[in-house]
Amino acid sequence: MRASSEPSRAHPQPVSHSPLCRTASIDVVVVNYETPHLLDECLQSVNAHLSDVVGSVIVVDNSITSTSIELVRRQHPDVVVIRPLANIGYGAAANQGCRAGQGDYALVLNADTQLQAGALEALVDELIRHPEAAVAGPQLVDPHGRDQPSCARFPTPGRMLLHETGLWKLLRTRRLRARVQPFFNPAAPARVPWVLGAAVAVRRRCFDAVGGFDPSYFMYFEEVDLCRRLSAAGADTRFVPNARVIHVGGASTALARAPMQRDMFRSLARYTRRHHNAANLVALRVAVTVVALIRLVYDFGSYLASRRGRGQRADANGWFAIMLDAARGWPDD
């Protein structure tokens, strides 16, 4: 699910890790798509903060080109490499990486992330301290150290509409805004509905028990669906603000705004169909149509103001396609 940056809070002090994590083993799985330099920086950060608890470091490369794999084999020869030879999506790639490891836990990372000191140990400690938890997520920060939204409430059509239009910011009372804003960052470790998939630590036993990520989510909402299914099975998701991970964000999708939005809404429709009733799907169709219409009007206004026609035309076609998907009810999903 897409998130925007928010002002930084006071940074938590580094934690003093318990010896609990020394008894565990964790594999690090990095999923990459056509971002070799970011992948190199990610692996450098993993290597810089390697702990005795780390078993294997595994890269699953969804790239079409071989540039990333050649770089890994040259610069990081100890890393296990898996290449599906096609872009199979984030969730399916993460599943392959987790299956290749043997640890009690797995830390799944986007290639555009960088571990900070103590993050891995803090996540493992949290899962050990809370045996009822199956997932732990860190505080994501941008390259300048500013906090990014890192956990959220489960999505509904209403929350999506308020988020995508920014209308939740206009609500008068802080309590009401807190109830409807989709993303939030607790100041202390806490149980949360779900955490952003850019960096997630999972308990392998629970992860395997629900089948891992659902591979039918090609992009977006695979982590939401995972946390929802784990919650239904009685397992919690934890947010660990003292574990900090840099997240560049949008590195492999930055050039395709409307098409990525179309993929996001398609995945949200799949999530809604699987976890809610038919009335919620109807509400989502209406909400998505409203969002796409607003974006279409905005892009048309930008086109008239700037006369940069090619980008606006491409986005306009994308918003029309999104409205058509909503009108049809996303029948392919």
Protein backbone atom coordinates (compact mmCIF):
# COMPACT_ATOMS: atom_id res chain seq x y z
CA MET A 1 0.00 0.00 0.00
CA ARG A 2 1.30 3.42 -0.87
CA ALA A 3 2.31 5.86 1.83
CA SER A 4 3.63 9.40 1.89
CA SER A 5 6.26 10.91 4.19
CA GLU A 6 5.36 12.57 7.46
CA PRO A 7 7.32 14.89 9.77
CA SER A 8 9.90 13.17 11.92
CA ARG A 9 9.25 12.41 15.58
CA ALA A 10 12.00 12.44 18.16
CA HIS A 11 14.21 9.45 17.39
CA PRO A 12 13.99 6.63 19.93
CA GLN A 13 17.20 5.83 21.76
CA PRO A 14 19.01 2.66 20.67
CA VAL A 15 17.85 -0.33 22.67
CA SER A 16 19.98 -2.62 24.74
CA HIS A 17 19.22 -5.97 23.18
CA SER A 18 18.56 -8.96 25.38
CA PRO A 19 20.51 -12.17 24.91
CA LEU A 20 17.29 -13.81 23.71
CA CYS A 21 18.01 -13.24 20.03
CA ARG A 22 21.33 -15.07 20.34
CA THR A 23 19.41 -18.33 20.61
CA ALA A 24 17.53 -17.72 17.35
CA SER A 25 18.46 -17.83 13.68
CA ILE A 26 17.18 -15.47 11.01
CA ASP A 27 17.54 -15.40 7.23
CA VAL A 28 17.62 -12.12 5.33
CA VAL A 29 15.64 -12.17 2.05
CA VAL A 30 15.99 -9.25 -0.37
CA VAL A 31 13.59 -8.87 -3.30
CA ASN A 32 14.93 -6.85 -6.23
CA TYR A 33 13.56 -5.55 -9.52
CA GLU A 34 15.89 -3.61 -11.82
CA THR A 35 17.60 -1.57 -9.07
CA PRO A 36 21.18 -2.91 -8.98
CA HIS A 37 22.79 0.06 -7.24
CA LEU A 38 20.13 0.15 -4.53
CA LEU A 39 20.47 -3.61 -4.13
CA ASP A 40 24.22 -3.18 -3.64
CA GLU A 41 23.64 -0.53 -0.95
CA CYS A 42 21.06 -2.77 0.75
CA LEU A 43 23.47 -5.72 0.85
CA GLN A 44 26.27 -3.48 2.10
CA SER A 45 24.02 -2.41 4.99
CA VAL A 46 23.14 -6.03 5.76
CA ASN A 47 26.82 -6.98 5.73
CA ALA A 48 27.72 -4.00 7.94
CA HIS A 49 25.22 -5.10 10.57
CA LEU A 50 25.53 -8.86 10.29
CA SER A 51 24.83 -10.60 13.55
CA ASP A 52 25.57 -14.08 14.84
CA VAL A 53 21.86 -14.81 14.49
CA VAL A 54 21.92 -14.39 10.68
CA GLY A 55 21.84 -17.66 8.76
CA SER A 56 21.62 -17.01 5.02
CA VAL A 57 21.40 -13.80 3.02
CA ILE A 58 19.24 -14.50 -0.02
CA VAL A 59 18.50 -12.29 -3.04
CA VAL A 60 15.51 -13.04 -5.27
CA ASP A 61 15.94 -11.03 -8.46
CA ASN A 62 12.78 -10.43 -10.48
CA SER A 63 14.71 -8.35 -13.02
CA ILE A 64 14.61 -9.02 -16.74
CA THR A 65 18.21 -7.91 -17.17
CA SER A 66 21.16 -9.68 -15.55
CA THR A 67 22.85 -6.50 -14.25
CA SER A 68 21.76 -6.96 -10.64
CA ILE A 69 22.77 -10.61 -10.44
CA GLU A 70 26.16 -9.93 -12.01
CA LEU A 71 26.73 -7.21 -9.41
CA VAL A 72 25.74 -9.50 -6.53
CA ARG A 73 28.00 -12.31 -7.70
CA ARG A 74 30.89 -9.90 -8.11
CA GLN A 75 30.48 -7.79 -4.96
CA HIS A 76 28.70 -10.21 -2.59
CA PRO A 77 29.82 -13.75 -3.44
CA ASP A 78 28.49 -15.26 -0.19
CA VAL A 79 24.90 -14.22 -0.97
CA VAL A 80 22.51 -16.92 -2.17
CA VAL A 81 20.99 -15.90 -5.53
CA ILE A 82 17.59 -16.95 -6.85
CA ARG A 83 16.52 -15.76 -10.29
CA PRO A 84 12.97 -16.70 -11.37
CA LEU A 85 13.73 -15.45 -14.95
CA ALA A 86 10.52 -13.39 -14.88
CA ASN A 87 8.96 -10.73 -12.69
CA ILE A 88 6.79 -12.98 -10.54
CA GLY A 89 5.81 -10.21 -8.13
CA TYR A 90 6.99 -9.26 -4.66
CA GLY A 91 5.06 -11.80 -2.61
CA ALA A 92 5.90 -14.80 -4.78
CA ALA A 93 9.57 -13.79 -4.83
CA ALA A 94 9.64 -13.36 -1.04
CA ASN A 95 8.10 -16.83 -0.66
CA GLN A 96 10.86 -18.35 -2.80
CA GLY A 97 13.51 -16.62 -0.73
CA CYS A 98 11.99 -17.74 2.57
CA ARG A 99 11.77 -21.34 1.35
CA ALA A 100 15.49 -21.24 0.55
CA GLY A 101 16.37 -20.42 4.17
CA GLN A 102 16.28 -22.53 7.29
CA GLY A 103 16.09 -19.94 10.05
CA ASP A 104 13.48 -19.64 12.77
CA TYR A 105 12.73 -16.16 11.42
CA ALA A 106 13.07 -14.34 8.10
CA LEU A 107 13.59 -10.64 7.47
CA VAL A 108 12.12 -9.71 4.08
CA LEU A 109 13.46 -6.48 2.57
CA ASN A 110 12.84 -4.40 -0.51
CA ALA A 111 16.05 -3.75 -2.40
CA ASP A 112 15.58 -0.02 -1.73
CA THR A 113 16.05 -0.42 2.03
CA GLN A 114 19.12 -0.18 4.24
CA LEU A 115 19.41 -1.72 7.69
CA GLN A 116 20.48 0.54 10.54
CA ALA A 117 22.47 -0.59 13.59
CA GLY A 118 20.50 -2.87 15.89
CA ALA A 119 17.41 -3.08 13.68
CA LEU A 120 17.62 -6.79 12.97
CA GLU A 121 18.24 -7.73 16.59
CA ALA A 122 15.41 -5.48 17.81
CA LEU A 123 12.93 -7.15 15.46
CA VAL A 124 13.99 -10.65 16.49
CA ASP A 125 13.87 -9.67 20.18
CA GLU A 126 10.32 -8.37 19.75
CA LEU A 127 9.14 -11.63 18.22
CA ILE A 128 10.84 -13.66 20.95
CA ARG A 129 9.36 -11.48 23.71
CA HIS A 130 5.90 -11.84 22.15
CA PRO A 131 5.37 -15.48 21.18
CA GLU A 132 1.82 -14.61 20.11
CA ALA A 133 3.25 -12.40 17.32
CA ALA A 134 4.09 -13.64 13.82
CA VAL A 135 5.21 -10.36 12.19
CA ALA A 136 7.33 -7.42 13.36
CA GLY A 137 7.96 -4.25 11.39
CA PRO A 138 10.51 -1.45 11.91
CA GLN A 139 10.25 2.32 11.77
CA LEU A 140 10.92 3.23 8.15
CA VAL A 141 12.81 6.45 7.51
CA ASP A 142 13.71 8.27 4.31
CA PRO A 143 17.37 8.80 3.29
CA HIS A 144 17.38 12.05 5.30
CA GLY A 145 16.28 10.27 8.47
CA ARG A 146 12.69 11.53 8.45
CA ASP A 147 10.09 9.05 9.64
CA GLN A 148 7.85 7.43 7.06
CA PRO A 149 4.44 5.90 7.77
CA SER A 150 5.25 2.36 8.82
CA CYS A 151 2.04 0.74 10.06
CA ALA A 152 -1.65 1.17 9.41
CA ARG A 153 -5.21 0.17 10.06
CA PHE A 154 -6.80 -2.39 7.79
CA PRO A 155 -8.12 -0.67 4.65
CA THR A 156 -11.77 0.06 3.93
CA PRO A 157 -13.31 1.93 0.98
CA GLY A 158 -13.93 4.94 3.23
CA ARG A 159 -10.35 5.06 4.54
CA MET A 160 -9.02 4.70 1.00
CA LEU A 161 -11.17 7.59 -0.23
CA LEU A 162 -10.13 9.85 2.64
CA HIS A 163 -6.45 8.97 2.17
CA GLU A 164 -6.24 9.24 -1.61
CA THR A 165 -8.05 12.59 -1.65
CA GLY A 166 -6.40 13.93 1.50
CA LEU A 167 -9.81 14.74 2.98
CA TRP A 168 -8.92 13.18 6.33
CA LYS A 169 -6.60 16.14 6.98
CA LEU A 170 -9.64 18.49 6.95
CA LEU A 171 -11.41 16.76 9.83
CA ARG A 172 -11.73 19.14 12.75
CA THR A 173 -11.04 17.03 15.80
CA ARG A 174 -7.76 15.25 16.47
CA ARG A 175 -9.61 12.21 17.82
CA LEU A 176 -11.64 11.82 14.62
CA ARG A 177 -8.57 12.30 12.44
CA ALA A 178 -6.75 9.65 14.48
CA ARG A 179 -9.59 7.19 13.87
CA VAL A 180 -9.72 7.61 10.10
CA GLN A 181 -6.14 8.40 9.07
CA PRO A 182 -4.80 5.25 7.43
CA PHE A 183 -1.18 5.37 8.66
CA PHE A 184 0.23 5.95 12.12
CA ASN A 185 3.50 5.40 14.00
CA PRO A 186 3.24 4.52 17.72
CA ALA A 187 6.03 5.96 19.86
CA ALA A 188 6.59 2.64 21.67
CA PRO A 189 6.46 -1.01 20.58
CA ALA A 190 2.85 -1.93 20.01
CA ARG A 191 0.43 -4.40 18.49
CA VAL A 192 -0.83 -3.00 15.18
CA PRO A 193 -3.07 -4.26 12.37
CA TRP A 194 -0.31 -4.39 9.73
CA VAL A 195 3.14 -3.04 8.88
CA LEU A 196 4.57 -1.81 5.59
CA GLY A 197 6.06 -4.58 3.49
CA ALA A 198 9.31 -2.77 2.65
CA ALA A 199 10.84 -4.47 5.71
CA VAL A 200 9.08 -7.22 7.69
CA ALA A 201 10.38 -9.87 10.05
CA VAL A 202 8.27 -13.03 10.15
CA ARG A 203 8.17 -16.07 12.39
CA ARG A 204 8.76 -18.89 9.93
CA ARG A 205 6.45 -21.39 11.64
CA CYS A 206 3.46 -19.03 11.44
CA PHE A 207 4.41 -17.71 8.00
CA ASP A 208 4.54 -21.23 6.58
CA ALA A 209 1.32 -22.24 8.36
CA VAL A 210 -0.74 -19.69 6.36
CA GLY A 211 1.14 -20.31 3.10
CA GLY A 212 3.30 -17.18 3.20
CA PHE A 213 2.42 -14.24 0.99
CA ASP A 214 -0.47 -14.84 -1.39
CA PRO A 215 1.27 -14.86 -4.82
CA SER A 216 -1.88 -13.65 -6.57
CA TYR A 217 -1.05 -10.16 -5.25
CA PHE A 218 1.50 -9.14 -7.86
CA MET A 219 2.16 -5.79 -6.23
CA TYR A 220 0.56 -3.94 -3.30
CA PHE A 221 -1.46 -5.28 -0.36
CA GLU A 222 0.38 -8.58 -0.10
CA GLU A 223 1.58 -7.60 3.38
CA VAL A 224 -1.90 -6.38 4.37
CA ASP A 225 -3.40 -9.69 3.29
CA LEU A 226 -0.70 -11.64 5.13
CA CYS A 227 -1.24 -9.77 8.40
CA ARG A 228 -5.01 -10.14 8.02
CA ARG A 229 -4.77 -13.91 7.53
CA LEU A 230 -2.34 -14.25 10.42
CA SER A 231 -4.68 -12.20 12.62
CA ALA A 232 -7.56 -14.50 11.70
CA ALA A 233 -5.34 -17.42 12.75
CA GLY A 234 -4.72 -15.79 16.14
CA ALA A 235 -1.27 -14.27 15.51
CA ASP A 236 -0.37 -10.63 16.14
CA THR A 237 1.64 -8.05 14.22
CA ARG A 238 4.07 -5.85 16.17
CA PHE A 239 5.57 -2.43 15.38
CA VAL A 240 9.10 -1.82 16.71
CA PRO A 241 10.04 1.89 16.52
CA ASN A 242 13.57 1.32 17.85
CA ALA A 243 14.33 -0.80 14.80
CA ARG A 244 15.06 1.72 12.07
CA VAL A 245 15.38 0.95 8.36
CA ILE A 246 16.06 3.46 5.59
CA HIS A 247 13.53 3.19 2.74
CA VAL A 248 14.08 5.08 -0.50
CA GLY A 249 10.53 4.30 -1.66
CA GLY A 250 9.10 3.93 -5.15
CA ALA A 251 12.47 3.26 -6.79
CA SER A 252 11.14 0.68 -9.26
CA THR A 253 7.74 2.33 -9.85
CA ALA A 254 8.52 6.05 -9.95
CA LEU A 255 8.07 6.40 -13.69
CA ALA A 256 4.53 5.01 -13.98
CA ARG A 257 2.12 6.85 -11.68
CA ALA A 258 -1.31 5.99 -13.11
CA PRO A 259 -0.41 2.39 -14.10
CA MET A 260 0.89 1.77 -10.57
CA GLN A 261 -2.30 3.26 -9.15
CA ARG A 262 -4.25 0.86 -11.35
CA ASP A 263 -2.28 -2.08 -9.95
CA MET A 264 -2.83 -0.76 -6.42
CA PHE A 265 -6.61 -0.51 -6.84
CA ARG A 266 -6.72 -3.95 -8.47
CA SER A 267 -4.96 -5.44 -5.45
CA LEU A 268 -7.22 -3.54 -3.07
CA ALA A 269 -10.22 -4.99 -4.90
CA ARG A 270 -8.78 -8.48 -4.49
CA TYR A 271 -8.22 -7.83 -0.78
CA THR A 272 -11.76 -6.46 -0.36
CA ARG A 273 -13.32 -9.39 -2.16
CA ARG A 274 -11.46 -11.88 0.04
CA HIS A 275 -11.89 -10.24 3.41
CA HIS A 276 -15.17 -8.30 3.15
CA ASN A 277 -18.67 -8.72 1.77
CA ALA A 278 -20.23 -7.71 -1.55
CA ALA A 279 -21.47 -4.39 -0.15
CA ASN A 280 -17.87 -3.36 0.61
CA LEU A 281 -16.85 -4.17 -2.95
CA VAL A 282 -19.65 -1.97 -4.28
CA ALA A 283 -18.53 0.82 -1.96
CA LEU A 284 -14.96 0.39 -3.20
CA ARG A 285 -16.10 0.66 -6.83
CA VAL A 286 -17.79 3.98 -6.04
CA ALA A 287 -14.83 5.29 -4.01
CA VAL A 288 -12.28 4.38 -6.69
CA THR A 289 -14.39 6.04 -9.37
CA VAL A 290 -14.52 9.24 -7.31
CA VAL A 291 -10.74 9.20 -6.74
CA ALA A 292 -9.98 8.54 -10.42
CA LEU A 293 -12.35 11.31 -11.53
CA ILE A 294 -10.72 13.80 -9.15
CA ARG A 295 -7.24 12.83 -10.39
CA LEU A 296 -8.39 13.08 -13.99
CA VAL A 297 -9.70 16.60 -13.46
CA TYR A 298 -6.48 17.57 -11.65
CA ASP A 299 -4.27 16.20 -14.44
CA PHE A 300 -6.36 17.96 -17.07
CA GLY A 301 -5.91 21.22 -15.19
CA SER A 302 -2.15 20.59 -15.01
CA TYR A 303 -2.09 19.96 -18.74
CA LEU A 304 -3.85 23.24 -19.47
CA ALA A 305 -1.46 25.10 -17.16
CA SER A 306 1.80 23.53 -18.36
CA ARG A 307 1.01 22.18 -21.83
CA ARG A 308 3.13 19.13 -21.10
CA GLY A 309 0.85 16.87 -23.06
CA ARG A 310 2.50 13.46 -23.23
CA GLY A 311 2.66 12.73 -19.49
CA GLN A 312 -0.82 14.09 -18.82
CA ARG A 313 -2.30 12.09 -21.71
CA ALA A 314 -0.71 8.90 -20.38
CA ASP A 315 -2.06 9.58 -16.89
CA ALA A 316 -5.49 10.45 -18.31
CA ASN A 317 -5.61 7.11 -20.10
CA GLY A 318 -4.61 5.43 -16.86
CA TRP A 319 -7.38 7.11 -14.85
CA PHE A 320 -9.94 6.18 -17.53
CA ALA A 321 -8.74 2.58 -17.32
CA ILE A 322 -9.10 2.67 -13.52
CA MET A 323 -12.68 3.95 -13.82
CA LEU A 324 -13.45 1.22 -16.35
CA ASP A 325 -11.99 -1.41 -13.98
CA ALA A 326 -14.21 -0.10 -11.18
CA ALA A 327 -17.30 -0.06 -13.41
CA ARG A 328 -16.65 -3.70 -14.33
CA GLY A 329 -15.89 -4.69 -10.77
CA TRP A 330 -12.36 -5.94 -11.56
CA PRO A 331 -13.65 -9.17 -13.15
CA ASP A 332 -10.16 -10.65 -13.74
CA ASP A 333 -9.49 -10.74 -10.00
